[in-house]
Amino acid sequence: MTTEQQIVATFLPFAPEKIILFGSQAHGGNDEFSDIDLIIVYKTEKRFMDRLRDLYMAWNFSKAVDILAYTPDEFNMMIRENPFIQDAVANGKTLYARPH
């Protein structure tokens, strides 16, 4: 199983709509010190920090990870209004998108 497949398998129990890899890992500029940057979009009623806690607790890789977790509505707003997220999505790699 590839690292990308392992990432998807780790977060599938959260029923994500999307898992997006961004940053150096997404475009091959990574080295042994690079972390893994992820955007995870899923339906939840939990507060932002509680979401992050749950997702970080699921992480069981030796490589460091930075996670951004959004509900679908939050993600859609971020895509419209946040240049950082726009860039992450435009230059990132979708590892998983739930079929509709």
C-alpha atoms as a PDB file:
ATOM      1  CA  MET A   1       0.000   0.000   0.000  1.00  0.00           C
ATOM      2  CA  THR A   2       1.367   3.429  -0.930  1.00  0.00           C
ATOM      3  CA  THR A   3       1.601   6.284   1.569  1.00  0.00           C
ATOM      4  CA  GLU A   4      -1.286   8.007  -0.195  1.00  0.00           C
ATOM      5  CA  GLN A   5      -3.437   4.877   0.096  1.00  0.00           C
ATOM      6  CA  GLN A   6      -2.509   4.600   3.777  1.00  0.00           C
ATOM      7  CA  ILE A   7      -3.532   8.216   4.338  1.00  0.00           C
ATOM      8  CA  VAL A   8      -6.916   7.571   2.742  1.00  0.00           C
ATOM      9  CA  ALA A   9      -7.399   4.348   4.725  1.00  0.00           C
ATOM     10  CA  THR A  10      -6.570   6.186   7.963  1.00  0.00           C
ATOM     11  CA  PHE A  11      -9.296   8.769   7.469  1.00  0.00           C
ATOM     12  CA  LEU A  12     -12.023   6.725   5.729  1.00  0.00           C
ATOM     13  CA  PRO A  13     -13.697   5.967   9.089  1.00  0.00           C
ATOM     14  CA  PHE A  14     -14.533   9.695   9.268  1.00  0.00           C
ATOM     15  CA  ALA A  15     -16.557   9.394   6.018  1.00  0.00           C
ATOM     16  CA  PRO A  16     -14.708  12.239   4.288  1.00  0.00           C
ATOM     17  CA  GLU A  17     -16.040  13.974   1.235  1.00  0.00           C
ATOM     18  CA  LYS A  18     -12.491  14.938   0.225  1.00  0.00           C
ATOM     19  CA  ILE A  19      -8.924  14.384   1.285  1.00  0.00           C
ATOM     20  CA  ILE A  20      -6.482  16.777  -0.361  1.00  0.00           C
ATOM     21  CA  LEU A  21      -2.708  16.537  -0.097  1.00  0.00           C
ATOM     22  CA  PHE A  22      -0.988  19.889  -0.549  1.00  0.00           C
ATOM     23  CA  GLY A  23       2.401  21.474  -0.042  1.00  0.00           C
ATOM     24  CA  SER A  24       5.738  19.893  -0.891  1.00  0.00           C
ATOM     25  CA  GLN A  25       4.466  16.313  -0.658  1.00  0.00           C
ATOM     26  CA  ALA A  26       1.873  17.036  -3.347  1.00  0.00           C
ATOM     27  CA  HIS A  27       4.289  18.355  -5.945  1.00  0.00           C
ATOM     28  CA  GLY A  28       7.462  16.412  -5.258  1.00  0.00           C
ATOM     29  CA  GLY A  29       9.520  19.113  -3.562  1.00  0.00           C
ATOM     30  CA  ASN A  30       9.668  17.183  -0.311  1.00  0.00           C
ATOM     31  CA  ASP A  31      12.656  15.834   1.583  1.00  0.00           C
ATOM     32  CA  GLU A  32      13.115  13.744   4.724  1.00  0.00           C
ATOM     33  CA  PHE A  33      12.196  16.748   6.884  1.00  0.00           C
ATOM     34  CA  SER A  34       8.969  17.595   5.033  1.00  0.00           C
ATOM     35  CA  ASP A  35       5.685  17.082   6.779  1.00  0.00           C
ATOM     36  CA  ILE A  36       2.422  15.979   5.204  1.00  0.00           C
ATOM     37  CA  ASP A  37      -0.176  18.723   4.697  1.00  0.00           C
ATOM     38  CA  LEU A  38      -3.799  17.634   4.403  1.00  0.00           C
ATOM     39  CA  ILE A  39      -7.216  19.183   3.986  1.00  0.00           C
ATOM     40  CA  ILE A  40      -9.974  16.853   5.114  1.00  0.00           C
ATOM     41  CA  VAL A  41     -13.574  17.761   4.344  1.00  0.00           C
ATOM     42  CA  TYR A  42     -16.290  15.869   6.181  1.00  0.00           C
ATOM     43  CA  LYS A  43     -19.700  16.356   7.738  1.00  0.00           C
ATOM     44  CA  THR A  44     -19.553  16.864  11.471  1.00  0.00           C
ATOM     45  CA  GLU A  45     -21.151  18.926  14.195  1.00  0.00           C
ATOM     46  CA  LYS A  46     -17.915  19.040  16.201  1.00  0.00           C
ATOM     47  CA  ARG A  47     -16.034  22.241  16.895  1.00  0.00           C
ATOM     48  CA  PHE A  48     -12.913  22.865  14.807  1.00  0.00           C
ATOM     49  CA  MET A  49     -10.445  21.963  17.579  1.00  0.00           C
ATOM     50  CA  ASP A  50     -12.361  18.790  18.461  1.00  0.00           C
ATOM     51  CA  ARG A  51     -12.247  17.722  14.818  1.00  0.00           C
ATOM     52  CA  LEU A  52      -8.513  18.256  14.718  1.00  0.00           C
ATOM     53  CA  ARG A  53      -7.991  16.286  17.921  1.00  0.00           C
ATOM     54  CA  ASP A  54      -9.898  13.313  16.498  1.00  0.00           C
ATOM     55  CA  LEU A  55      -8.025  13.381  13.195  1.00  0.00           C
ATOM     56  CA  TYR A  56      -4.598  13.780  14.807  1.00  0.00           C
ATOM     57  CA  MET A  57      -5.353  10.884  17.150  1.00  0.00           C
ATOM     58  CA  ALA A  58      -6.044   8.688  14.120  1.00  0.00           C
ATOM     59  CA  TRP A  59      -2.641   9.560  12.613  1.00  0.00           C
ATOM     60  CA  ASN A  60      -0.181   6.701  13.146  1.00  0.00           C
ATOM     61  CA  PHE A  61       2.698   7.522  10.813  1.00  0.00           C
ATOM     62  CA  SER A  62       6.214   8.545  11.804  1.00  0.00           C
ATOM     63  CA  LYS A  63       6.077  11.560   9.464  1.00  0.00           C
ATOM     64  CA  ALA A  64       4.658  14.775  10.912  1.00  0.00           C
ATOM     65  CA  VAL A  65       1.297  15.959   9.626  1.00  0.00           C
ATOM     66  CA  ASP A  66      -0.553  19.275   9.471  1.00  0.00           C
ATOM     67  CA  ILE A  67      -4.297  18.868   9.078  1.00  0.00           C
ATOM     68  CA  LEU A  68      -6.983  21.376   8.190  1.00  0.00           C
ATOM     69  CA  ALA A  69     -10.471  19.980   8.804  1.00  0.00           C
ATOM     70  CA  TYR A  70     -13.564  21.626   7.360  1.00  0.00           C
ATOM     71  CA  THR A  71     -17.223  20.843   6.981  1.00  0.00           C
ATOM     72  CA  PRO A  72     -18.444  20.971   3.365  1.00  0.00           C
ATOM     73  CA  ASP A  73     -20.008  24.413   3.942  1.00  0.00           C
ATOM     74  CA  GLU A  74     -16.834  25.765   5.537  1.00  0.00           C
ATOM     75  CA  PHE A  75     -14.726  24.346   2.724  1.00  0.00           C
ATOM     76  CA  ASN A  76     -16.918  25.944   0.058  1.00  0.00           C
ATOM     77  CA  MET A  77     -16.612  29.298   1.832  1.00  0.00           C
ATOM     78  CA  MET A  78     -12.832  28.900   2.158  1.00  0.00           C
ATOM     79  CA  ILE A  79     -12.519  28.111  -1.563  1.00  0.00           C
ATOM     80  CA  ARG A  80     -14.285  31.383  -2.352  1.00  0.00           C
ATOM     81  CA  GLU A  81     -12.576  33.615   0.218  1.00  0.00           C
ATOM     82  CA  ASN A  82      -9.203  32.267   1.327  1.00  0.00           C
ATOM     83  CA  PRO A  83      -6.218  32.562  -1.047  1.00  0.00           C
ATOM     84  CA  PHE A  84      -4.196  30.029   0.974  1.00  0.00           C
ATOM     85  CA  ILE A  85      -6.893  27.360   0.579  1.00  0.00           C
ATOM     86  CA  GLN A  86      -7.423  28.307  -3.067  1.00  0.00           C
ATOM     87  CA  ASP A  87      -3.719  27.723  -3.715  1.00  0.00           C
ATOM     88  CA  ALA A  88      -3.655  24.492  -1.698  1.00  0.00           C
ATOM     89  CA  VAL A  89      -6.532  23.087  -3.729  1.00  0.00           C
ATOM     90  CA  ALA A  90      -5.276  24.385  -7.093  1.00  0.00           C
ATOM     91  CA  ASN A  91      -1.780  22.987  -6.575  1.00  0.00           C
ATOM     92  CA  GLY A  92      -2.651  20.051  -4.352  1.00  0.00           C
ATOM     93  CA  LYS A  93      -3.583  16.490  -5.129  1.00  0.00           C
ATOM     94  CA  THR A  94      -6.984  15.027  -4.337  1.00  0.00           C
ATOM     95  CA  LEU A  95      -6.301  11.685  -2.690  1.00  0.00           C
ATOM     96  CA  TYR A  96      -9.958  10.887  -2.166  1.00  0.00           C
ATOM     97  CA  ALA A  97     -13.279  12.282  -3.339  1.00  0.00           C
ATOM     98  CA  ARG A  98     -16.440  10.535  -2.272  1.00  0.00           C
ATOM     99  CA  PRO A  99     -18.538   9.574  -5.284  1.00  0.00           C
ATOM    100  CA  HIS A 100     -21.855  11.385  -5.412  1.00  0.00           C
END
